[in-house]
């Protein structure tokens, strides 16, 4: 599985927002902190806003914030905003009539694996992701 730059930036943006305590944070502040292109980040903000993940407010006290709690947003939801469905293969349904019976066993194993990964990604909230990120930063700073 490969994660696009858009998804990477979106997750970094959302982890930063998780620390904002429901306050609007200027997009430029996050771009500077994370060393991101502001223009690219603004396109990601637009996508997340259209998906209902964040809210945006213009003006001197404006910025972005979560539209709902980070504990109610999952990694899978964000993944699927920027990537198509996580599924690579579908389960083999024609075991009796299939002329490629050897491929069906392999296909079913891949399908089971991707369903487990999907279930795991659904269990990871942005709140949890932000907590994990904070722990990594804390460890890194203590070294």
Protein backbone atom coordinates (compact mmCIF):
# COMPACT_ATOMS: atom_id res chain seq x y z
CA UNK A 1 0.00 0.00 0.00
CA UNK A 2 1.34 3.39 -0.96
CA UNK A 3 0.23 6.62 0.70
CA UNK A 4 0.02 9.67 -1.55
CA UNK A 5 1.52 13.04 -0.68
CA UNK A 6 -2.03 14.41 -0.37
CA UNK A 7 -2.96 11.83 2.26
CA UNK A 8 0.34 12.36 4.09
CA UNK A 9 -0.19 16.14 4.20
CA UNK A 10 -3.85 15.71 5.19
CA UNK A 11 -2.94 13.47 8.12
CA UNK A 12 -0.19 15.85 9.28
CA UNK A 13 -2.62 18.76 9.03
CA UNK A 14 -5.28 16.89 11.01
CA UNK A 15 -2.84 15.81 13.72
CA UNK A 16 -1.91 19.49 14.14
CA UNK A 17 -5.59 20.43 14.39
CA UNK A 18 -6.15 17.80 17.08
CA UNK A 19 -4.03 19.91 19.43
CA UNK A 20 -5.99 23.11 18.73
CA UNK A 21 -8.74 22.58 21.33
CA UNK A 22 -11.55 23.56 18.91
CA UNK A 23 -9.92 26.87 17.96
CA UNK A 24 -9.38 28.06 14.41
CA UNK A 25 -5.76 27.62 13.33
CA UNK A 26 -4.41 29.55 10.32
CA UNK A 27 -3.46 27.24 7.47
CA UNK A 28 -0.24 29.23 7.03
CA UNK A 29 0.75 28.38 10.61
CA UNK A 30 0.46 24.64 9.92
CA UNK A 31 2.25 25.01 6.57
CA UNK A 32 5.17 26.75 8.29
CA UNK A 33 5.32 24.31 11.20
CA UNK A 34 5.25 21.26 8.92
CA UNK A 35 7.35 22.79 6.12
CA UNK A 36 4.55 22.30 3.58
CA UNK A 37 3.66 24.22 0.46
CA UNK A 38 0.81 26.57 1.44
CA UNK A 39 -0.81 26.28 -1.99
CA UNK A 40 -0.77 22.47 -1.86
CA UNK A 41 -2.06 22.52 1.71
CA UNK A 42 -4.91 24.83 0.71
CA UNK A 43 -6.05 22.31 -1.92
CA UNK A 44 -6.08 19.64 0.79
CA UNK A 45 -8.05 21.95 3.10
CA UNK A 46 -10.64 22.41 0.34
CA UNK A 47 -10.98 18.64 -0.10
CA UNK A 48 -11.32 18.05 3.66
CA UNK A 49 -13.83 20.89 3.96
CA UNK A 50 -15.94 19.51 1.10
CA UNK A 51 -15.89 16.10 2.82
CA UNK A 52 -17.20 17.66 6.05
CA UNK A 53 -14.09 16.87 8.10
CA UNK A 54 -13.05 20.46 8.79
CA UNK A 55 -14.59 23.93 8.87
CA UNK A 56 -12.91 27.05 7.54
CA UNK A 57 -13.37 30.69 8.47
CA UNK A 58 -11.87 33.63 6.57
CA UNK A 59 -10.56 36.77 8.16
CA UNK A 60 -7.90 37.88 10.64
CA UNK A 61 -9.08 35.43 13.31
CA UNK A 62 -9.91 32.73 10.79
CA UNK A 63 -8.39 29.43 9.95
CA UNK A 64 -9.51 25.83 10.08
CA UNK A 65 -10.79 23.49 12.76
CA UNK A 66 -12.50 20.12 12.99
CA UNK A 67 -16.16 19.98 11.97
CA UNK A 68 -16.58 17.12 14.47
CA UNK A 69 -14.53 15.54 17.20
CA UNK A 70 -11.26 13.81 16.18
CA UNK A 71 -12.44 10.76 18.13
CA UNK A 72 -15.29 10.42 15.61
CA UNK A 73 -13.08 10.53 12.51
CA UNK A 74 -11.15 7.44 11.44
CA UNK A 75 -7.98 6.92 9.46
CA UNK A 76 -10.05 4.90 6.96
CA UNK A 77 -12.41 7.82 6.37
CA UNK A 78 -9.50 10.13 5.61
CA UNK A 79 -7.80 7.48 3.47
CA UNK A 80 -10.92 7.06 1.36
CA UNK A 81 -11.23 10.82 0.81
CA UNK A 82 -7.86 10.85 -0.96
CA UNK A 83 -7.70 7.31 -2.35
CA UNK A 84 -10.19 5.00 -3.86
CA UNK A 85 -11.52 2.11 -1.85
CA UNK A 86 -8.83 0.15 -0.01
CA UNK A 87 -9.83 -3.08 -1.74
CA UNK A 88 -7.41 -4.44 -4.31
CA UNK A 89 -9.27 -7.66 -5.10
CA UNK A 90 -12.74 -9.08 -4.59
CA UNK A 91 -13.33 -12.53 -3.10
CA UNK A 92 -13.58 -15.39 -5.56
CA UNK A 93 -17.26 -16.25 -5.96
CA UNK A 94 -17.15 -18.86 -8.71
CA UNK A 95 -15.23 -21.72 -7.11
CA UNK A 96 -17.25 -24.42 -8.88
CA UNK A 97 -17.14 -22.95 -12.40
CA UNK A 98 -13.81 -21.11 -12.21
CA UNK A 99 -11.20 -22.22 -14.75
CA UNK A 100 -8.45 -20.52 -12.72
CA UNK A 101 -9.03 -22.39 -9.46
CA UNK A 102 -5.42 -21.92 -8.27
CA UNK A 103 -5.78 -18.14 -8.44
CA UNK A 104 -8.95 -18.22 -6.30
CA UNK A 105 -7.09 -19.37 -3.19
CA UNK A 106 -4.52 -16.62 -3.59
CA UNK A 107 -7.19 -14.03 -4.34
CA UNK A 108 -9.17 -15.00 -1.24
CA UNK A 109 -6.08 -14.70 0.99
CA UNK A 110 -5.37 -11.21 -0.38
CA UNK A 111 -9.03 -10.29 0.13
CA UNK A 112 -8.96 -11.48 3.76
CA UNK A 113 -5.78 -9.48 4.39
CA UNK A 114 -7.18 -6.29 2.94
CA UNK A 115 -10.39 -6.70 4.98
CA UNK A 116 -8.30 -7.01 8.17
CA UNK A 117 -6.33 -3.91 7.20
CA UNK A 118 -9.61 -2.08 6.49
CA UNK A 119 -10.97 -3.11 9.90
CA UNK A 120 -7.77 -1.92 11.60
CA UNK A 121 -7.81 1.45 9.80
CA UNK A 122 -11.46 1.88 10.79
CA UNK A 123 -10.46 1.39 14.45
CA UNK A 124 -7.81 4.15 14.37
CA UNK A 125 -9.27 7.56 15.19
CA UNK A 126 -7.58 10.89 14.57
CA UNK A 127 -7.58 11.41 18.32
CA UNK A 128 -5.55 8.19 18.75
CA UNK A 129 -3.27 9.13 15.86
CA UNK A 130 -2.57 12.52 17.46
CA UNK A 131 -1.81 10.84 20.81
CA UNK A 132 0.62 8.45 19.14
CA UNK A 133 2.27 11.34 17.33
CA UNK A 134 2.67 13.28 20.60
CA UNK A 135 4.37 10.26 22.19
CA UNK A 136 6.81 9.94 19.30
CA UNK A 137 7.63 13.67 19.49
CA UNK A 138 8.15 13.41 23.26
CA UNK A 139 10.52 10.46 22.86
CA UNK A 140 12.40 12.21 20.06
CA UNK A 141 12.83 15.39 22.11
CA UNK A 142 14.16 13.46 25.12
CA UNK A 143 16.96 11.90 23.09
